[in-house]
Amino acid sequence: MADSPRILAVSWGKMEIEGLAAGKDFKLWPGGGRPWDWAETGTRHDPGIQPADVAELLDHGATVLVLSRGMDLVLQVDPATLELLRQRDVEVHVAETTEAVQIYNNLAGSAPVGGLFHSTC
């Protein structure tokens, strides 16, 4: 399985990802990634990251997930999402964005890691 792309830089409202164009929010998984468009699943800061948001990461073979809550921890994680991941035996890390980037980059290359990254609030 291909390695997950590394996050090269993160600042308020901007992320640079290995092999992808710069953008604001991203979905990353083993072998690739794309911009994360909240409108696709109706994501809002509250209740936050939904099961539908993580499904694509799991479909691409991620067995470890890193979920970023934004720079100011405004983005929540829906309890249903954590329950789904628990049921599927997926290791999950939930953290502020800069910490989430460090966790993700440390796992990339050694584990099939996926992540959702929000680069603002």
PDB file of N, CA and C in Angstrom:
ATOM      1  N   MET A   1       0.847  -1.192   0.000  1.00  0.00           N
ATOM      2  CA  MET A   1       0.000   0.000   0.000  1.00  0.00           C
ATOM      3  C   MET A   1       0.884   1.243   0.000  1.00  0.00           C
ATOM      4  N   ALA A   2       0.469   2.247  -0.724  1.00  0.00           N
ATOM      5  CA  ALA A   2       1.240   3.481  -0.833  1.00  0.00           C
ATOM      6  C   ALA A   2       1.236   4.253   0.486  1.00  0.00           C
ATOM      7  N   ASP A   3       2.291   5.000   0.706  1.00  0.00           N
ATOM      8  CA  ASP A   3       2.362   5.852   1.891  1.00  0.00           C
ATOM      9  C   ASP A   3       1.349   6.988   1.785  1.00  0.00           C
ATOM     10  N   SER A   4       0.946   7.498   2.924  1.00  0.00           N
ATOM     11  CA  SER A   4       0.076   8.672   2.964  1.00  0.00           C
ATOM     12  C   SER A   4       0.930   9.903   2.652  1.00  0.00           C
ATOM     13  N   PRO A   5       0.373  10.881   1.919  1.00  0.00           N
ATOM     14  CA  PRO A   5       1.151  12.084   1.592  1.00  0.00           C
ATOM     15  C   PRO A   5       1.462  12.890   2.854  1.00  0.00           C
ATOM     16  N   ARG A   6       2.658  13.415   2.922  1.00  0.00           N
ATOM     17  CA  ARG A   6       3.059  14.219   4.081  1.00  0.00           C
ATOM     18  C   ARG A   6       2.527  15.640   3.963  1.00  0.00           C
ATOM     19  N   ILE A   7       2.258  16.233   5.110  1.00  0.00           N
ATOM     20  CA  ILE A   7       1.848  17.636   5.178  1.00  0.00           C
ATOM     21  C   ILE A   7       3.130  18.447   5.312  1.00  0.00           C
ATOM     22  N   LEU A   8       3.372  19.317   4.343  1.00  0.00           N
ATOM     23  CA  LEU A   8       4.625  20.073   4.289  1.00  0.00           C
ATOM     24  C   LEU A   8       4.564  21.361   5.106  1.00  0.00           C
ATOM     25  N   ALA A   9       3.384  21.973   5.166  1.00  0.00           N
ATOM     26  CA  ALA A   9       3.241  23.226   5.922  1.00  0.00           C
ATOM     27  C   ALA A   9       1.772  23.454   6.243  1.00  0.00           C
ATOM     28  N   VAL A  10       1.551  24.101   7.387  1.00  0.00           N
ATOM     29  CA  VAL A  10       0.187  24.477   7.762  1.00  0.00           C
ATOM     30  C   VAL A  10       0.247  25.845   8.436  1.00  0.00           C
ATOM     31  N   SER A  11      -0.667  26.716   8.031  1.00  0.00           N
ATOM     32  CA  SER A  11      -0.839  28.014   8.675  1.00  0.00           C
ATOM     33  C   SER A  11      -2.324  28.341   8.575  1.00  0.00           C
ATOM     34  N   TRP A  12      -2.746  29.418   9.220  1.00  0.00           N
ATOM     35  CA  TRP A  12      -4.167  29.762   9.248  1.00  0.00           C
ATOM     36  C   TRP A  12      -4.708  29.855   7.820  1.00  0.00           C
ATOM     37  N   GLY A  13      -5.635  28.953   7.483  1.00  0.00           N
ATOM     38  CA  GLY A  13      -6.305  28.994   6.189  1.00  0.00           C
ATOM     39  C   GLY A  13      -5.528  28.417   5.025  1.00  0.00           C
ATOM     40  N   LYS A  14      -4.359  27.822   5.264  1.00  0.00           N
ATOM     41  CA  LYS A  14      -3.563  27.286   4.155  1.00  0.00           C
ATOM     42  C   LYS A  14      -2.765  26.063   4.581  1.00  0.00           C
ATOM     43  N   MET A  15      -2.860  25.044   3.729  1.00  0.00           N
ATOM     44  CA  MET A  15      -2.067  23.836   3.943  1.00  0.00           C
ATOM     45  C   MET A  15      -1.346  23.477   2.653  1.00  0.00           C
ATOM     46  N   GLU A  16      -0.124  22.965   2.801  1.00  0.00           N
ATOM     47  CA  GLU A  16       0.634  22.465   1.668  1.00  0.00           C
ATOM     48  C   GLU A  16       0.864  20.981   1.900  1.00  0.00           C
ATOM     49  N   ILE A  17       0.433  20.182   0.913  1.00  0.00           N
ATOM     50  CA  ILE A  17       0.471  18.728   1.004  1.00  0.00           C
ATOM     51  C   ILE A  17       1.336  18.188  -0.128  1.00  0.00           C
ATOM     52  N   GLU A  18       2.168  17.217   0.193  1.00  0.00           N
ATOM     53  CA  GLU A  18       3.006  16.553  -0.798  1.00  0.00           C
ATOM     54  C   GLU A  18       2.145  16.038  -1.956  1.00  0.00           C
ATOM     55  N   GLY A  19       2.444  16.501  -3.180  1.00  0.00           N
ATOM     56  CA  GLY A  19       1.761  16.010  -4.375  1.00  0.00           C
ATOM     57  C   GLY A  19       0.406  16.617  -4.674  1.00  0.00           C
ATOM     58  N   LEU A  20      -0.065  17.550  -3.846  1.00  0.00           N
ATOM     59  CA  LEU A  20      -1.373  18.184  -4.071  1.00  0.00           C
ATOM     60  C   LEU A  20      -1.218  19.699  -4.117  1.00  0.00           C
ATOM     61  N   ALA A  21      -2.154  20.365  -4.756  1.00  0.00           N
ATOM     62  CA  ALA A  21      -2.159  21.830  -4.759  1.00  0.00           C
ATOM     63  C   ALA A  21      -2.491  22.333  -3.355  1.00  0.00           C
ATOM     64  N   ALA A  22      -1.950  23.489  -2.993  1.00  0.00           N
ATOM     65  CA  ALA A  22      -2.223  24.085  -1.680  1.00  0.00           C
ATOM     66  C   ALA A  22      -3.717  24.363  -1.548  1.00  0.00           C
ATOM     67  N   GLY A  23      -4.195  24.309  -0.310  1.00  0.00           N
ATOM     68  CA  GLY A  23      -5.605  24.569  -0.057  1.00  0.00           C
ATOM     69  C   GLY A  23      -5.862  24.812   1.415  1.00  0.00           C
ATOM     70  N   LYS A  24      -7.137  24.849   1.790  1.00  0.00           N
ATOM     71  CA  LYS A  24      -7.532  25.197   3.157  1.00  0.00           C
ATOM     72  C   LYS A  24      -7.774  23.973   4.039  1.00  0.00           C
ATOM     73  N   ASP A  25      -8.626  23.066   3.606  1.00  0.00           N
ATOM     74  CA  ASP A  25      -8.988  21.877   4.374  1.00  0.00           C
ATOM     75  C   ASP A  25      -8.755  20.649   3.491  1.00  0.00           C
ATOM     76  N   PHE A  26      -8.294  19.548   4.107  1.00  0.00           N
ATOM     77  CA  PHE A  26      -7.968  18.359   3.316  1.00  0.00           C
ATOM     78  C   PHE A  26      -8.440  17.064   3.942  1.00  0.00           C
ATOM     79  N   LYS A  27      -8.734  16.104   3.050  1.00  0.00           N
ATOM     80  CA  LYS A  27      -8.913  14.696   3.379  1.00  0.00           C
ATOM     81  C   LYS A  27      -7.684  13.997   2.826  1.00  0.00           C
ATOM     82  N   LEU A  28      -6.965  13.252   3.665  1.00  0.00           N
ATOM     83  CA  LEU A  28      -5.770  12.542   3.220  1.00  0.00           C
ATOM     84  C   LEU A  28      -5.888  11.072   3.584  1.00  0.00           C
ATOM     85  N   TRP A  29      -5.286  10.208   2.770  1.00  0.00           N
ATOM     86  CA  TRP A  29      -5.340   8.767   2.975  1.00  0.00           C
ATOM     87  C   TRP A  29      -4.121   8.122   2.337  1.00  0.00           C
ATOM     88  N   PRO A  30      -3.907   6.825   2.568  1.00  0.00           N
ATOM     89  CA  PRO A  30      -2.768   6.151   1.950  1.00  0.00           C
ATOM     90  C   PRO A  30      -2.825   6.289   0.424  1.00  0.00           C
ATOM     91  N   GLY A  31      -1.805   6.888  -0.148  1.00  0.00           N
ATOM     92  CA  GLY A  31      -1.726   7.035  -1.596  1.00  0.00           C
ATOM     93  C   GLY A  31      -2.328   8.297  -2.166  1.00  0.00           C
ATOM     94  N   GLY A  32      -2.920   9.172  -1.352  1.00  0.00           N
ATOM     95  CA  GLY A  32      -3.493  10.380  -1.943  1.00  0.00           C
ATOM     96  C   GLY A  32      -4.282  11.246  -0.995  1.00  0.00           C
ATOM     97  N   GLY A  33      -5.107  12.062  -1.600  1.00  0.00           N
ATOM     98  CA  GLY A  33      -5.927  12.980  -0.836  1.00  0.00           C
ATOM     99  C   GLY A  33      -6.583  13.983  -1.760  1.00  0.00           C
ATOM    100  N   ARG A  34      -7.388  14.852  -1.173  1.00  0.00           N
ATOM    101  CA  ARG A  34      -8.072  15.894  -1.938  1.00  0.00           C
ATOM    102  C   ARG A  34      -8.558  16.967  -0.980  1.00  0.00           C
ATOM    103  N   PRO A  35      -8.957  18.117  -1.530  1.00  0.00           N
ATOM    104  CA  PRO A  35      -9.551  19.134  -0.651  1.00  0.00           C
ATOM    105  C   PRO A  35     -10.805  18.581   0.026  1.00  0.00           C
ATOM    106  N   TRP A  36     -11.026  19.014   1.265  1.00  0.00           N
ATOM    107  CA  TRP A  36     -12.190  18.594   2.037  1.00  0.00           C
ATOM    108  C   TRP A  36     -13.252  19.676   1.916  1.00  0.00           C
ATOM    109  N   ASP A  37     -14.322  19.371   1.183  1.00  0.00           N
ATOM    110  CA  ASP A  37     -15.436  20.292   0.979  1.00  0.00           C
ATOM    111  C   ASP A  37     -16.550  19.914   1.951  1.00  0.00           C
ATOM    112  N   TRP A  38     -16.714  20.710   2.982  1.00  0.00           N
ATOM    113  CA  TRP A  38     -17.710  20.413   4.011  1.00  0.00           C
ATOM    114  C   TRP A  38     -19.119  20.306   3.443  1.00  0.00           C
ATOM    115  N   ALA A  39     -19.396  21.022   2.344  1.00  0.00           N
ATOM    116  CA  ALA A  39     -20.743  21.036   1.773  1.00  0.00           C
ATOM    117  C   ALA A  39     -21.170  19.654   1.270  1.00  0.00           C
ATOM    118  N   GLU A  40     -20.201  18.789   0.932  1.00  0.00           N
ATOM    119  CA  GLU A  40     -20.542  17.459   0.418  1.00  0.00           C
ATOM    120  C   GLU A  40     -21.368  16.647   1.410  1.00  0.00           C
ATOM    121  N   THR A  41     -21.075  16.794   2.685  1.00  0.00           N
ATOM    122  CA  THR A  41     -21.791  16.013   3.697  1.00  0.00           C
ATOM    123  C   THR A  41     -22.580  16.896   4.670  1.00  0.00           C
ATOM    124  N   GLY A  42     -22.602  18.198   4.408  1.00  0.00           N
ATOM    125  CA  GLY A  42     -23.319  19.112   5.296  1.00  0.00           C
ATOM    126  C   GLY A  42     -22.619  19.323   6.624  1.00  0.00           C
ATOM    127  N   THR A  43     -21.298  19.156   6.641  1.00  0.00           N
ATOM    128  CA  THR A  43     -20.538  19.318   7.879  1.00  0.00           C
ATOM    129  C   THR A  43     -20.612  20.755   8.371  1.00  0.00           C
ATOM    130  N   ARG A  44     -20.758  20.909   9.673  1.00  0.00           N
ATOM    131  CA  ARG A  44     -20.743  22.205  10.358  1.00  0.00           C
ATOM    132  C   ARG A  44     -19.828  22.047  11.569  1.00  0.00           C
ATOM    133  N   HIS A  45     -19.434  23.157  12.173  1.00  0.00           N
ATOM    134  CA  HIS A  45     -18.562  23.075  13.353  1.00  0.00           C
ATOM    135  C   HIS A  45     -19.183  22.220  14.461  1.00  0.00           C
ATOM    136  N   ASP A  46     -20.514  22.274  14.566  1.00  0.00           N
ATOM    137  CA  ASP A  46     -21.240  21.498  15.556  1.00  0.00           C
ATOM    138  C   ASP A  46     -22.420  20.850  14.832  1.00  0.00           C
ATOM    139  N   PRO A  47     -22.595  19.554  14.785  1.00  0.00           N
ATOM    140  CA  PRO A  47     -21.962  18.539  15.619  1.00  0.00           C
ATOM    141  C   PRO A  47     -20.558  18.133  15.169  1.00  0.00           C
ATOM    142  N   GLY A  48     -20.102  18.635  14.033  1.00  0.00           N
ATOM    143  CA  GLY A  48     -18.723  18.403  13.637  1.00  0.00           C
ATOM    144  C   GLY A  48     -18.527  17.280  12.635  1.00  0.00           C
ATOM    145  N   ILE A  49     -17.363  16.643  12.730  1.00  0.00           N
ATOM    146  CA  ILE A  49     -16.966  15.589  11.804  1.00  0.00           C
ATOM    147  C   ILE A  49     -17.945  14.423  11.919  1.00  0.00           C
ATOM    148  N   GLN A  50     -18.564  14.072  10.784  1.00  0.00           N
ATOM    149  CA  GLN A  50     -19.611  13.060  10.747  1.00  0.00           C
ATOM    150  C   GLN A  50     -19.087  11.742  10.189  1.00  0.00           C
ATOM    151  N   PRO A  51     -19.810  10.648  10.413  1.00  0.00           N
ATOM    152  CA  PRO A  51     -19.402   9.365   9.834  1.00  0.00           C
ATOM    153  C   PRO A  51     -19.155   9.456   8.324  1.00  0.00           C
ATOM    154  N   ALA A  52     -19.989  10.207   7.608  1.00  0.00           N
ATOM    155  CA  ALA A  52     -19.819  10.336   6.155  1.00  0.00           C
ATOM    156  C   ALA A  52     -18.485  11.003   5.799  1.00  0.00           C
ATOM    157  N   ASP A  53     -17.962  11.846   6.687  1.00  0.00           N
ATOM    158  CA  ASP A  53     -16.686  12.515   6.419  1.00  0.00           C
ATOM    159  C   ASP A  53     -15.504  11.551   6.469  1.00  0.00           C
ATOM    160  N   VAL A  54     -15.576  10.539   7.323  1.00  0.00           N
ATOM    161  CA  VAL A  54     -14.460   9.593   7.470  1.00  0.00           C
ATOM    162  C   VAL A  54     -14.590   8.380   6.540  1.00  0.00           C
ATOM    163  N   ALA A  55     -15.765   8.154   5.967  1.00  0.00           N
ATOM    164  CA  ALA A  55     -15.999   6.961   5.137  1.00  0.00           C
ATOM    165  C   ALA A  55     -14.995   6.867   3.991  1.00  0.00           C
ATOM    166  N   GLU A  56     -14.723   7.973   3.328  1.00  0.00           N
ATOM    167  CA  GLU A  56     -13.801   7.967   2.193  1.00  0.00           C
ATOM    168  C   GLU A  56     -12.396   7.550   2.622  1.00  0.00           C
ATOM    169  N   LEU A  57     -11.978   7.964   3.816  1.00  0.00           N
ATOM    170  CA  LEU A  57     -10.646   7.601   4.314  1.00  0.00           C
ATOM    171  C   LEU A  57     -10.563   6.097   4.544  1.00  0.00           C
ATOM    172  N   LEU A  58     -11.607   5.539   5.133  1.00  0.00           N
ATOM    173  CA  LEU A  58     -11.659   4.096   5.384  1.00  0.00           C
ATOM    174  C   LEU A  58     -11.709   3.325   4.066  1.00  0.00           C
ATOM    175  N   ASP A  59     -12.467   3.857   3.092  1.00  0.00           N
ATOM    176  CA  ASP A  59     -12.564   3.205   1.779  1.00  0.00           C
ATOM    177  C   ASP A  59     -11.215   3.139   1.075  1.00  0.00           C
ATOM    178  N   HIS A  60     -10.329   4.082   1.388  1.00  0.00           N
ATOM    179  CA  HIS A  60      -8.992   4.107   0.784  1.00  0.00           C
ATOM    180  C   HIS A  60      -7.961   3.339   1.621  1.00  0.00           C
ATOM    181  N   GLY A  61      -8.420   2.591   2.614  1.00  0.00           N
ATOM    182  CA  GLY A  61      -7.523   1.701   3.337  1.00  0.00           C
ATOM    183  C   GLY A  61      -6.891   2.236   4.601  1.00  0.00           C
ATOM    184  N   ALA A  62      -7.318   3.404   5.069  1.00  0.00           N
ATOM    185  CA  ALA A  62      -6.768   3.937   6.324  1.00  0.00           C
ATOM    186  C   ALA A  62      -7.260   3.099   7.500  1.00  0.00           C
ATOM    187  N   THR A  63      -6.337   2.708   8.378  1.00  0.00           N
ATOM    188  CA  THR A  63      -6.706   1.974   9.592  1.00  0.00           C
ATOM    189  C   THR A  63      -6.409   2.784  10.846  1.00  0.00           C
ATOM    190  N   VAL A  64      -5.758   3.937  10.653  1.00  0.00           N
ATOM    191  CA  VAL A  64      -5.495   4.901  11.721  1.00  0.00           C
ATOM    192  C   VAL A  64      -5.976   6.247  11.190  1.00  0.00           C
ATOM    193  N   LEU A  65      -6.757   6.984  11.986  1.00  0.00           N
ATOM    194  CA  LEU A  65      -7.244   8.297  11.548  1.00  0.00           C
ATOM    195  C   LEU A  65      -6.800   9.385  12.499  1.00  0.00           C
ATOM    196  N   VAL A  66      -6.473  10.536  11.901  1.00  0.00           N
ATOM    197  CA  VAL A  66      -6.160  11.742  12.658  1.00  0.00           C
ATOM    198  C   VAL A  66      -7.209  12.776  12.274  1.00  0.00           C
ATOM    199  N   LEU A  67      -7.960  13.242  13.267  1.00  0.00           N
ATOM    200  CA  LEU A  67      -9.029  14.217  13.042  1.00  0.00           C
ATOM    201  C   LEU A  67      -8.637  15.531  13.692  1.00  0.00           C
ATOM    202  N   SER A  68      -8.494  16.572  12.870  1.00  0.00           N
ATOM    203  CA  SER A  68      -8.112  17.868  13.434  1.00  0.00           C
ATOM    204  C   SER A  68      -9.363  18.663  13.774  1.00  0.00           C
ATOM    205  N   ARG A  69      -9.312  19.364  14.883  1.00  0.00           N
ATOM    206  CA  ARG A  69     -10.462  20.146  15.360  1.00  0.00           C
ATOM    207  C   ARG A  69     -10.330  21.619  15.031  1.00  0.00           C
ATOM    208  N   GLY A  70      -9.357  21.985  14.207  1.00  0.00           N
ATOM    209  CA  GLY A  70      -9.146  23.384  13.867  1.00  0.00           C
ATOM    210  C   GLY A  70      -8.122  24.017  14.784  1.00  0.00           C
ATOM    211  N   MET A  71      -7.648  25.189  14.389  1.00  0.00           N
ATOM    212  CA  MET A  71      -6.602  25.896  15.135  1.00  0.00           C
ATOM    213  C   MET A  71      -7.077  26.339  16.522  1.00  0.00           C
ATOM    214  N   ASP A  72      -8.372  26.654  16.633  1.00  0.00           N
ATOM    215  CA  ASP A  72      -8.932  27.101  17.910  1.00  0.00           C
ATOM    216  C   ASP A  72      -9.883  26.071  18.526  1.00  0.00           C
ATOM    217  N   LEU A  73      -9.819  24.841  18.045  1.00  0.00           N
ATOM    218  CA  LEU A  73     -10.642  23.728  18.563  1.00  0.00           C
ATOM    219  C   LEU A  73     -12.142  23.983  18.466  1.00  0.00           C
ATOM    220  N   VAL A  74     -12.568  24.709  17.423  1.00  0.00           N
ATOM    221  CA  VAL A  74     -13.991  24.999  17.248  1.00  0.00           C
ATOM    222  C   VAL A  74     -14.716  23.810  16.623  1.00  0.00           C
ATOM    223  N   LEU A  75     -14.058  23.100  15.702  1.00  0.00           N
ATOM    224  CA  LEU A  75     -14.676  21.954  15.034  1.00  0.00           C
ATOM    225  C   LEU A  75     -14.828  20.798  16.021  1.00  0.00           C
ATOM    226  N   GLN A  76     -16.044  20.288  16.127  1.00  0.00           N
ATOM    227  CA  GLN A  76     -16.338  19.172  17.026  1.00  0.00           C
ATOM    228  C   GLN A  76     -16.221  17.851  16.261  1.00  0.00           C
ATOM    229  N   VAL A  77     -16.309  16.744  16.978  1.00  0.00           N
ATOM    230  CA  VAL A  77     -16.383  15.416  16.369  1.00  0.00           C
ATOM    231  C   VAL A  77     -17.677  14.781  16.851  1.00  0.00           C
ATOM    232  N   ASP A  78     -18.550  14.470  15.910  1.00  0.00           N
ATOM    233  CA  ASP A  78     -19.832  13.849  16.243  1.00  0.00           C
ATOM    234  C   ASP A  78     -19.567  12.528  16.978  1.00  0.00           C
ATOM    235  N   PRO A  79     -20.209  12.321  18.133  1.00  0.00           N
ATOM    236  CA  PRO A  79     -20.026  11.051  18.855  1.00  0.00           C
ATOM    237  C   PRO A  79     -20.309   9.821  17.989  1.00  0.00           C
ATOM    238  N   ALA A  80     -21.211   9.940  17.025  1.00  0.00           N
ATOM    239  CA  ALA A  80     -21.517   8.816  16.126  1.00  0.00           C
ATOM    240  C   ALA A  80     -20.295   8.439  15.299  1.00  0.00           C
ATOM    241  N   THR A  81     -19.462   9.407  14.980  1.00  0.00           N
ATOM    242  CA  THR A  81     -18.238   9.143  14.219  1.00  0.00           C
ATOM    243  C   THR A  81     -17.268   8.324  15.061  1.00  0.00           C
ATOM    244  N   LEU A  82     -17.081   8.728  16.303  1.00  0.00           N
ATOM    245  CA  LEU A  82     -16.173   7.994  17.191  1.00  0.00           C
ATOM    246  C   LEU A  82     -16.688   6.583  17.452  1.00  0.00           C
ATOM    247  N   GLU A  83     -17.993   6.432  17.552  1.00  0.00           N
ATOM    248  CA  GLU A  83     -18.584   5.108  17.764  1.00  0.00           C
ATOM    249  C   GLU A  83     -18.351   4.215  16.538  1.00  0.00           C
ATOM    250  N   LEU A  84     -18.547   4.768  15.341  1.00  0.00           N
ATOM    251  CA  LEU A  84     -18.292   4.018  14.110  1.00  0.00           C
ATOM    252  C   LEU A  84     -16.842   3.537  14.068  1.00  0.00           C
ATOM    253  N   LEU A  85     -15.912   4.420  14.381  1.00  0.00           N
ATOM    254  CA  LEU A  85     -14.492   4.068  14.340  1.00  0.00           C
ATOM    255  C   LEU A  85     -14.160   3.015  15.402  1.00  0.00           C
ATOM    256  N   ARG A  86     -14.776   3.130  16.572  1.00  0.00           N
ATOM    257  CA  ARG A  86     -14.565   2.131  17.620  1.00  0.00           C
ATOM    258  C   ARG A  86     -15.067   0.763  17.146  1.00  0.00           C
ATOM    259  N   GLN A  87     -16.254   0.749  16.546  1.00  0.00           N
ATOM    260  CA  GLN A  87     -16.831  -0.509  16.057  1.00  0.00           C
ATOM    261  C   GLN A  87     -15.953  -1.150  14.990  1.00  0.00           C
ATOM    262  N   ARG A  88     -15.286  -0.326  14.198  1.00  0.00           N
ATOM    263  CA  ARG A  88     -14.435  -0.844  13.114  1.00  0.00           C
ATOM    264  C   ARG A  88     -12.991  -1.060  13.565  1.00  0.00           C
ATOM    265  N   ASP A  89     -12.731  -0.874  14.852  1.00  0.00           N
ATOM    266  CA  ASP A  89     -11.393  -1.073  15.406  1.00  0.00           C
ATOM    267  C   ASP A  89     -10.350  -0.150  14.773  1.00  0.00           C
ATOM    268  N   VAL A  90     -10.756   1.079  14.483  1.00  0.00           N
ATOM    269  CA  VAL A  90      -9.858   2.070  13.889  1.00  0.00           C
ATOM    270  C   VAL A  90      -9.250   2.902  15.009  1.00  0.00           C
ATOM    271  N   GLU A  91      -7.926   2.991  15.009  1.00  0.00           N
ATOM    272  CA  GLU A  91      -7.227   3.859  15.962  1.00  0.00           C
ATOM    273  C   GLU A  91      -7.494   5.302  15.544  1.00  0.00           C
ATOM    274  N   VAL A  92      -7.876   6.142  16.499  1.00  0.00           N
ATOM    275  CA  VAL A  92      -8.212   7.531  16.154  1.00  0.00           C
ATOM    276  C   VAL A  92      -7.505   8.493  17.101  1.00  0.00           C
ATOM    277  N   HIS A  93      -7.000   9.581  16.508  1.00  0.00           N
ATOM    278  CA  HIS A  93      -6.364  10.665  17.257  1.00  0.00           C
ATOM    279  C   HIS A  93      -7.139  11.937  16.943  1.00  0.00           C
ATOM    280  N   VAL A  94      -7.595  12.637  17.971  1.00  0.00           N
ATOM    281  CA  VAL A  94      -8.324  13.897  17.805  1.00  0.00           C
ATOM    282  C   VAL A  94      -7.484  14.982  18.463  1.00  0.00           C
ATOM    283  N   ALA A  95      -7.161  16.046  17.700  1.00  0.00           N
ATOM    284  CA  ALA A  95      -6.262  17.069  18.230  1.00  0.00           C
ATOM    285  C   ALA A  95      -6.445  18.399  17.502  1.00  0.00           C
ATOM    286  N   GLU A  96      -5.924  19.442  18.120  1.00  0.00           N
ATOM    287  CA  GLU A  96      -5.817  20.758  17.484  1.00  0.00           C
ATOM    288  C   GLU A  96      -4.993  20.584  16.211  1.00  0.00           C
ATOM    289  N   THR A  97      -5.226  21.412  15.208  1.00  0.00           N
ATOM    290  CA  THR A  97      -4.666  21.177  13.873  1.00  0.00           C
ATOM    291  C   THR A  97      -3.147  21.042  13.838  1.00  0.00           C
ATOM    292  N   THR A  98      -2.389  21.931  14.464  1.00  0.00           N
ATOM    293  CA  THR A  98      -0.927  21.813  14.356  1.00  0.00           C
ATOM    294  C   THR A  98      -0.437  20.541  15.041  1.00  0.00           C
ATOM    295  N   GLU A  99      -1.071  20.164  16.149  1.00  0.00           N
ATOM    296  CA  GLU A  99      -0.723  18.910  16.821  1.00  0.00           C
ATOM    297  C   GLU A  99      -1.137  17.718  15.961  1.00  0.00           C
ATOM    298  N   ALA A 100      -2.310  17.810  15.332  1.00  0.00           N
ATOM    299  CA  ALA A 100      -2.800  16.739  14.456  1.00  0.00           C
ATOM    300  C   ALA A 100      -1.841  16.520  13.282  1.00  0.00           C
ATOM    301  N   VAL A 101      -1.305  17.602  12.737  1.00  0.00           N
ATOM    302  CA  VAL A 101      -0.346  17.502  11.625  1.00  0.00           C
ATOM    303  C   VAL A 101       0.897  16.739  12.082  1.00  0.00           C
ATOM    304  N   GLN A 102       1.394  17.038  13.287  1.00  0.00           N
ATOM    305  CA  GLN A 102       2.576  16.335  13.813  1.00  0.00           C
ATOM    306  C   GLN A 102       2.289  14.849  13.996  1.00  0.00           C
ATOM    307  N   ILE A 103       1.135  14.528  14.571  1.00  0.00           N
ATOM    308  CA  ILE A 103       0.756  13.127  14.784  1.00  0.00           C
ATOM    309  C   ILE A 103       0.673  12.406  13.436  1.00  0.00           C
ATOM    310  N   TYR A 104      -0.014  13.028  12.494  1.00  0.00           N
ATOM    311  CA  TYR A 104      -0.198  12.432  11.166  1.00  0.00           C
ATOM    312  C   TYR A 104       1.148  12.204  10.473  1.00  0.00           C
ATOM    313  N   ASN A 105       1.982  13.228  10.424  1.00  0.00           N
ATOM    314  CA  ASN A 105       3.276  13.092   9.745  1.00  0.00           C
ATOM    315  C   ASN A 105       4.148  12.024  10.409  1.00  0.00           C
ATOM    316  N   ASN A 106       4.062  11.887  11.725  1.00  0.00           N
ATOM    317  CA  ASN A 106       4.826  10.841  12.417  1.00  0.00           C
ATOM    318  C   ASN A 106       4.341   9.445  12.026  1.00  0.00           C
ATOM    319  N   LEU A 107       3.051   9.315  11.730  1.00  0.00           N
ATOM    320  CA  LEU A 107       2.487   8.018  11.358  1.00  0.00           C
ATOM    321  C   LEU A 107       2.645   7.709   9.868  1.00  0.00           C
ATOM    322  N   ALA A 108       2.660   8.754   9.025  1.00  0.00           N
ATOM    323  CA  ALA A 108       2.776   8.555   7.569  1.00  0.00           C
ATOM    324  C   ALA A 108       4.079   7.817   7.275  1.00  0.00           C
ATOM    325  N   GLY A 109       3.981   6.780   6.475  1.00  0.00           N
ATOM    326  CA  GLY A 109       5.164   6.002   6.140  1.00  0.00           C
ATOM    327  C   GLY A 109       5.319   4.767   7.003  1.00  0.00           C
ATOM    328  N   SER A 110       4.669   4.754   8.178  1.00  0.00           N
ATOM    329  CA  SER A 110       4.781   3.581   9.046  1.00  0.00           C
ATOM    330  C   SER A 110       3.424   2.930   9.320  1.00  0.00           C
ATOM    331  N   ALA A 111       2.344   3.610   8.974  1.00  0.00           N
ATOM    332  CA  ALA A 111       0.998   3.077   9.195  1.00  0.00           C
ATOM    333  C   ALA A 111       0.082   3.587   8.081  1.00  0.00           C
ATOM    334  N   PRO A 112      -0.976   2.840   7.747  1.00  0.00           N
ATOM    335  CA  PRO A 112      -1.948   3.321   6.758  1.00  0.00           C
ATOM    336  C   PRO A 112      -2.847   4.386   7.394  1.00  0.00           C
ATOM    337  N   VAL A 113      -2.332   5.603   7.440  1.00  0.00           N
ATOM    338  CA  VAL A 113      -3.005   6.696   8.147  1.00  0.00           C
ATOM    339  C   VAL A 113      -3.795   7.577   7.187  1.00  0.00           C
ATOM    340  N   GLY A 114      -4.941   8.007   7.669  1.00  0.00           N
ATOM    341  CA  GLY A 114      -5.761   8.979   6.962  1.00  0.00           C
ATOM    342  C   GLY A 114      -6.036  10.135   7.900  1.00  0.00           C
ATOM    343  N   GLY A 115      -6.461  11.250   7.342  1.00  0.00           N
ATOM    344  CA  GLY A 115      -6.748  12.384   8.210  1.00  0.00           C
ATOM    345  C   GLY A 115      -7.699  13.377   7.590  1.00  0.00           C
ATOM    346  N   LEU A 116      -8.363  14.101   8.470  1.00  0.00           N
ATOM    347  CA  LEU A 116      -9.207  15.240   8.098  1.00  0.00           C
ATOM    348  C   LEU A 116      -8.581  16.456   8.763  1.00  0.00           C
ATOM    349  N   PHE A 117      -8.287  17.477   7.943  1.00  0.00           N
ATOM    350  CA  PHE A 117      -7.577  18.638   8.469  1.00  0.00           C
ATOM    351  C   PHE A 117      -8.316  19.924   8.142  1.00  0.00           C
ATOM    352  N   HIS A 118      -8.586  20.705   9.203  1.00  0.00           N
ATOM    353  CA  HIS A 118      -9.280  21.990   9.109  1.00  0.00           C
ATOM    354  C   HIS A 118      -8.268  23.059   9.549  1.00  0.00           C
ATOM    355  N   SER A 119      -7.961  23.999   8.630  1.00  0.00           N
ATOM    356  CA  SER A 119      -6.845  24.929   8.899  1.00  0.00           C
ATOM    357  C   SER A 119      -7.246  26.294   9.430  1.00  0.00           C
ATOM    358  N   THR A 120      -8.528  26.473   9.766  1.00  0.00           N
ATOM    359  CA  THR A 120      -8.904  27.730  10.421  1.00  0.00           C
ATOM    360  C   THR A 120      -9.452  27.405  11.810  1.00  0.00           C
ATOM    361  N   CYS A 121     -10.488  28.105  12.214  1.00  0.00           N
ATOM    362  CA  CYS A 121     -10.986  28.025  13.586  1.00  0.00           C
ATOM    363  C   CYS A 121     -11.177  26.624  14.100  1.00  0.00           C
TER     364      CYS A 121
END
